[in-house]
Amino acid sequence: MQSVNLRSFNQKVRHNKRAFKRYLGKIEKNPPRRLDKIAEEIDKEVWQEIDCLSCANCCKKMSPTFTTKDIKRISAHVGMTADEFKEKWLYLDKKDKDWMNTKQPCQFLDLRTNMCSIYEVRPADCAGFPHLTKKKMVEYIHVHQQNIQYCPATYRMVEKMIERF
């Protein structure tokens, strides 16, 4: 497993982002046979190569959506009411009606270790990130198109898909 060099990753993204998004768009319109099965195989390969703790770019550049269950669970964990938690750390995205972090990097990310201070109770969105093996993959292509610019694992998945197909 290799450490992620974010400078190098960002250069690759700048160079390939448009082509990768187009490629994923083609997959979405005309999915290869056994796409979900192949995505599972690629997922296993990707996690042999990518070390999330050397990166944490998702926590630095993105915000999870916090469900009502997430807010209740996390606020109890940090000793606050749900309303206090929302007032201190979240805002309601008017367009999507999602609760999001008010700042980046995430308030729960320890920047020295790249570890989450609430890992055991983290939002469901974080626990599932980067959603590489969500069924059906075709329904998550739009998510992967967004995540290639933030997540080296998603980027690597698309590289491997291009190699296979």
C-alpha atoms as a PDB file:
ATOM      1  CA  MET A   1       0.000   0.000   0.000  1.00  0.00           C
ATOM      2  CA  GLN A   2       1.374   3.347  -0.957  1.00  0.00           C
ATOM      3  CA  SER A   3       1.179   6.752   0.599  1.00  0.00           C
ATOM      4  CA  VAL A   4      -0.802   9.357  -1.349  1.00  0.00           C
ATOM      5  CA  ASN A   5       1.098  12.376  -2.673  1.00  0.00           C
ATOM      6  CA  LEU A   6      -1.642  15.010  -2.911  1.00  0.00           C
ATOM      7  CA  ARG A   7       0.422  17.384  -5.090  1.00  0.00           C
ATOM      8  CA  SER A   8       0.980  14.641  -7.663  1.00  0.00           C
ATOM      9  CA  PHE A   9      -2.654  13.527  -7.363  1.00  0.00           C
ATOM     10  CA  ASN A  10      -3.934  17.076  -7.985  1.00  0.00           C
ATOM     11  CA  GLN A  11      -1.730  17.361 -11.095  1.00  0.00           C
ATOM     12  CA  LYS A  12      -3.102  14.090 -12.479  1.00  0.00           C
ATOM     13  CA  VAL A  13      -6.655  15.265 -11.765  1.00  0.00           C
ATOM     14  CA  ARG A  14      -6.098  18.563 -13.585  1.00  0.00           C
ATOM     15  CA  HIS A  15      -4.768  16.659 -16.569  1.00  0.00           C
ATOM     16  CA  ASN A  16      -7.373  13.851 -16.714  1.00  0.00           C
ATOM     17  CA  LYS A  17     -10.539  15.054 -14.953  1.00  0.00           C
ATOM     18  CA  ARG A  18     -12.462  15.985 -18.092  1.00  0.00           C
ATOM     19  CA  ALA A  19     -11.577  12.748 -19.899  1.00  0.00           C
ATOM     20  CA  PHE A  20     -12.428  10.646 -16.826  1.00  0.00           C
ATOM     21  CA  LYS A  21     -15.803  12.357 -16.439  1.00  0.00           C
ATOM     22  CA  ARG A  22     -16.560  11.754 -20.130  1.00  0.00           C
ATOM     23  CA  TYR A  23     -15.533   8.114 -19.766  1.00  0.00           C
ATOM     24  CA  LEU A  24     -17.825   7.651 -16.772  1.00  0.00           C
ATOM     25  CA  GLY A  25     -20.639   9.302 -18.731  1.00  0.00           C
ATOM     26  CA  LYS A  26     -20.188   6.709 -21.493  1.00  0.00           C
ATOM     27  CA  ILE A  27     -20.246   3.892 -18.906  1.00  0.00           C
ATOM     28  CA  GLU A  28     -23.464   5.348 -17.503  1.00  0.00           C
ATOM     29  CA  LYS A  29     -25.152   5.410 -20.930  1.00  0.00           C
ATOM     30  CA  ASN A  30     -23.873   2.010 -22.033  1.00  0.00           C
ATOM     31  CA  PRO A  31     -22.779  -0.072 -19.027  1.00  0.00           C
ATOM     32  CA  PRO A  32     -20.509  -3.034 -19.753  1.00  0.00           C
ATOM     33  CA  ARG A  33     -21.807  -6.483 -18.861  1.00  0.00           C
ATOM     34  CA  ARG A  34     -21.067  -7.487 -15.272  1.00  0.00           C
ATOM     35  CA  LEU A  35     -20.172  -3.894 -14.325  1.00  0.00           C
ATOM     36  CA  ASP A  36     -21.095  -4.357 -10.656  1.00  0.00           C
ATOM     37  CA  LYS A  37     -19.050  -7.567 -10.379  1.00  0.00           C
ATOM     38  CA  ILE A  38     -16.032  -5.938 -12.031  1.00  0.00           C
ATOM     39  CA  ALA A  39     -16.415  -2.891  -9.744  1.00  0.00           C
ATOM     40  CA  GLU A  40     -16.142  -5.242  -6.740  1.00  0.00           C
ATOM     41  CA  GLU A  41     -12.931  -6.744  -8.131  1.00  0.00           C
ATOM     42  CA  ILE A  42     -11.468  -3.295  -8.827  1.00  0.00           C
ATOM     43  CA  ASP A  43     -12.478  -2.119  -5.355  1.00  0.00           C
ATOM     44  CA  LYS A  44     -10.380  -4.879  -3.746  1.00  0.00           C
ATOM     45  CA  GLU A  45      -7.399  -3.966  -5.938  1.00  0.00           C
ATOM     46  CA  VAL A  46      -7.702  -0.248  -5.204  1.00  0.00           C
ATOM     47  CA  TRP A  47      -7.649  -0.755  -1.427  1.00  0.00           C
ATOM     48  CA  GLN A  48      -4.460  -2.805  -1.758  1.00  0.00           C
ATOM     49  CA  GLU A  49      -2.869   0.314  -3.266  1.00  0.00           C
ATOM     50  CA  ILE A  50      -4.387   3.353  -1.543  1.00  0.00           C
ATOM     51  CA  ASP A  51      -3.822   4.322   2.092  1.00  0.00           C
ATOM     52  CA  CYS A  52      -6.609   6.680   3.191  1.00  0.00           C
ATOM     53  CA  LEU A  53      -4.724   7.769   6.295  1.00  0.00           C
ATOM     54  CA  SER A  54      -1.935   9.172   4.121  1.00  0.00           C
ATOM     55  CA  CYS A  55      -4.512  11.341   2.349  1.00  0.00           C
ATOM     56  CA  ALA A  56      -7.761  12.330   4.118  1.00  0.00           C
ATOM     57  CA  ASN A  57      -8.438  14.651   1.193  1.00  0.00           C
ATOM     58  CA  CYS A  58     -12.165  13.918   1.448  1.00  0.00           C
ATOM     59  CA  CYS A  59     -12.176  15.276   5.016  1.00  0.00           C
ATOM     60  CA  LYS A  60     -10.076  18.265   3.956  1.00  0.00           C
ATOM     61  CA  LYS A  61     -12.025  19.281   0.833  1.00  0.00           C
ATOM     62  CA  MET A  62     -15.555  17.864   1.083  1.00  0.00           C
ATOM     63  CA  SER A  63     -18.435  17.758   3.534  1.00  0.00           C
ATOM     64  CA  PRO A  64     -20.533  14.717   4.254  1.00  0.00           C
ATOM     65  CA  THR A  65     -24.266  15.082   4.433  1.00  0.00           C
ATOM     66  CA  PHE A  66     -25.450  14.586   8.006  1.00  0.00           C
ATOM     67  CA  THR A  67     -28.703  12.662   8.365  1.00  0.00           C
ATOM     68  CA  THR A  68     -31.001  13.207  11.344  1.00  0.00           C
ATOM     69  CA  LYS A  69     -29.732   9.887  12.758  1.00  0.00           C
ATOM     70  CA  ASP A  70     -26.112  11.024  12.281  1.00  0.00           C
ATOM     71  CA  ILE A  71     -26.791  14.309  14.069  1.00  0.00           C
ATOM     72  CA  LYS A  72     -28.477  12.593  17.024  1.00  0.00           C
ATOM     73  CA  ARG A  73     -25.724   9.977  17.348  1.00  0.00           C
ATOM     74  CA  ILE A  74     -22.779  12.372  16.974  1.00  0.00           C
ATOM     75  CA  SER A  75     -24.230  15.145  19.144  1.00  0.00           C
ATOM     76  CA  ALA A  76     -24.834  12.637  21.962  1.00  0.00           C
ATOM     77  CA  HIS A  77     -21.269  11.369  21.532  1.00  0.00           C
ATOM     78  CA  VAL A  78     -19.810  14.886  21.890  1.00  0.00           C
ATOM     79  CA  GLY A  79     -22.168  15.799  24.745  1.00  0.00           C
ATOM     80  CA  MET A  80     -24.396  18.299  22.947  1.00  0.00           C
ATOM     81  CA  THR A  81     -28.016  18.518  21.954  1.00  0.00           C
ATOM     82  CA  ALA A  82     -28.778  18.071  18.259  1.00  0.00           C
ATOM     83  CA  ASP A  83     -29.671  21.774  18.010  1.00  0.00           C
ATOM     84  CA  GLU A  84     -26.414  22.849  19.695  1.00  0.00           C
ATOM     85  CA  PHE A  85     -24.468  20.574  17.349  1.00  0.00           C
ATOM     86  CA  LYS A  86     -26.172  21.982  14.249  1.00  0.00           C
ATOM     87  CA  GLU A  87     -25.714  25.574  15.439  1.00  0.00           C
ATOM     88  CA  LYS A  88     -22.014  25.069  16.185  1.00  0.00           C
ATOM     89  CA  TRP A  89     -20.918  23.026  13.155  1.00  0.00           C
ATOM     90  CA  LEU A  90     -23.544  22.646  10.423  1.00  0.00           C
ATOM     91  CA  TYR A  91     -25.612  24.583   7.939  1.00  0.00           C
ATOM     92  CA  LEU A  92     -28.676  23.537   5.964  1.00  0.00           C
ATOM     93  CA  ASP A  93     -28.041  23.484   2.228  1.00  0.00           C
ATOM     94  CA  LYS A  94     -31.178  25.141   0.899  1.00  0.00           C
ATOM     95  CA  LYS A  95     -31.060  23.503  -2.537  1.00  0.00           C
ATOM     96  CA  ASP A  96     -30.683  19.865  -1.429  1.00  0.00           C
ATOM     97  CA  LYS A  97     -32.057  20.244   2.120  1.00  0.00           C
ATOM     98  CA  ASP A  98     -28.898  18.544   3.463  1.00  0.00           C
ATOM     99  CA  TRP A  99     -27.051  19.330   6.685  1.00  0.00           C
ATOM    100  CA  MET A 100     -23.394  20.055   5.841  1.00  0.00           C
ATOM    101  CA  ASN A 101     -20.209  21.145   7.637  1.00  0.00           C
ATOM    102  CA  THR A 102     -19.757  24.899   7.862  1.00  0.00           C
ATOM    103  CA  LYS A 103     -15.979  24.607   7.483  1.00  0.00           C
ATOM    104  CA  GLN A 104     -13.263  22.626   5.822  1.00  0.00           C
ATOM    105  CA  PRO A 105     -11.304  20.686   6.756  1.00  0.00           C
ATOM    106  CA  CYS A 106     -13.831  18.778   8.820  1.00  0.00           C
ATOM    107  CA  GLN A 107     -13.862  19.813  12.469  1.00  0.00           C
ATOM    108  CA  PHE A 108     -13.409  16.172  13.483  1.00  0.00           C
ATOM    109  CA  LEU A 109     -10.255  15.571  11.410  1.00  0.00           C
ATOM    110  CA  ASP A 110      -6.962  15.530  13.327  1.00  0.00           C
ATOM    111  CA  LEU A 111      -4.648  17.100  10.744  1.00  0.00           C
ATOM    112  CA  ARG A 112      -1.514  15.664  12.392  1.00  0.00           C
ATOM    113  CA  THR A 113      -2.654  12.057  12.010  1.00  0.00           C
ATOM    114  CA  ASN A 114      -5.373  12.320   9.313  1.00  0.00           C
ATOM    115  CA  MET A 115      -7.629  10.404  11.692  1.00  0.00           C
ATOM    116  CA  CYS A 116     -11.261  11.091  12.518  1.00  0.00           C
ATOM    117  CA  SER A 117     -11.885  11.940  16.179  1.00  0.00           C
ATOM    118  CA  ILE A 118     -15.439  10.524  15.961  1.00  0.00           C
ATOM    119  CA  TYR A 119     -14.633   7.541  13.738  1.00  0.00           C
ATOM    120  CA  GLU A 120     -16.856   5.112  15.687  1.00  0.00           C
ATOM    121  CA  VAL A 121     -19.905   7.388  15.270  1.00  0.00           C
ATOM    122  CA  ARG A 122     -18.996   9.180  12.010  1.00  0.00           C
ATOM    123  CA  PRO A 123     -21.742  10.092   9.530  1.00  0.00           C
ATOM    124  CA  ALA A 124     -23.049   7.279   7.332  1.00  0.00           C
ATOM    125  CA  ASP A 125     -21.855   9.272   4.314  1.00  0.00           C
ATOM    126  CA  CYS A 126     -18.273   9.100   5.640  1.00  0.00           C
ATOM    127  CA  ALA A 127     -18.541   5.408   6.509  1.00  0.00           C
ATOM    128  CA  GLY A 128     -19.579   4.588   2.937  1.00  0.00           C
ATOM    129  CA  PHE A 129     -17.177   6.933   1.168  1.00  0.00           C
ATOM    130  CA  PRO A 130     -16.070   6.736  -1.632  1.00  0.00           C
ATOM    131  CA  HIS A 131     -19.015   4.489  -2.505  1.00  0.00           C
ATOM    132  CA  LEU A 132     -17.031   2.429  -5.029  1.00  0.00           C
ATOM    133  CA  THR A 133     -19.178  -0.688  -4.747  1.00  0.00           C
ATOM    134  CA  LYS A 134     -22.642   0.776  -4.287  1.00  0.00           C
ATOM    135  CA  LYS A 135     -25.219  -1.244  -6.165  1.00  0.00           C
ATOM    136  CA  LYS A 136     -26.006  -0.491  -8.941  1.00  0.00           C
ATOM    137  CA  MET A 137     -22.832   1.269  -9.942  1.00  0.00           C
ATOM    138  CA  VAL A 138     -24.555   3.015 -12.837  1.00  0.00           C
ATOM    139  CA  GLU A 139     -26.723   4.877 -10.319  1.00  0.00           C
ATOM    140  CA  TYR A 140     -23.576   6.252  -8.621  1.00  0.00           C
ATOM    141  CA  ILE A 141     -21.682   7.368 -11.718  1.00  0.00           C
ATOM    142  CA  HIS A 142     -22.569  11.011 -11.010  1.00  0.00           C
ATOM    143  CA  VAL A 143     -21.029  10.598  -7.524  1.00  0.00           C
ATOM    144  CA  HIS A 144     -17.838   9.088  -8.975  1.00  0.00           C
ATOM    145  CA  GLN A 145     -17.652  11.915 -11.518  1.00  0.00           C
ATOM    146  CA  GLN A 146     -17.564  14.360  -8.607  1.00  0.00           C
ATOM    147  CA  ASN A 147     -15.263  12.295  -6.391  1.00  0.00           C
ATOM    148  CA  ILE A 148     -12.449  11.730  -8.913  1.00  0.00           C
ATOM    149  CA  GLN A 149     -11.176  15.208  -8.132  1.00  0.00           C
ATOM    150  CA  TYR A 150     -11.057  14.592  -4.368  1.00  0.00           C
ATOM    151  CA  CYS A 151     -10.430  10.888  -3.843  1.00  0.00           C
ATOM    152  CA  PRO A 152      -7.344   9.021  -5.090  1.00  0.00           C
ATOM    153  CA  ALA A 153      -9.207   5.714  -4.628  1.00  0.00           C
ATOM    154  CA  THR A 154     -12.018   6.848  -6.958  1.00  0.00           C
ATOM    155  CA  TYR A 155      -9.459   8.193  -9.422  1.00  0.00           C
ATOM    156  CA  ARG A 156      -7.595   4.857  -9.336  1.00  0.00           C
ATOM    157  CA  MET A 157     -10.856   2.956  -9.821  1.00  0.00           C
ATOM    158  CA  VAL A 158     -11.529   4.897 -13.028  1.00  0.00           C
ATOM    159  CA  GLU A 159      -7.967   4.291 -14.228  1.00  0.00           C
ATOM    160  CA  LYS A 160      -8.475   0.556 -13.702  1.00  0.00           C
ATOM    161  CA  MET A 161     -11.872   0.628 -15.449  1.00  0.00           C
ATOM    162  CA  ILE A 162     -10.260   2.296 -18.474  1.00  0.00           C
ATOM    163  CA  GLU A 163      -7.585  -0.442 -18.490  1.00  0.00           C
ATOM    164  CA  ARG A 164     -10.234  -3.207 -18.330  1.00  0.00           C
ATOM    165  CA  PHE A 165     -12.766  -1.864 -20.817  1.00  0.00           C
END
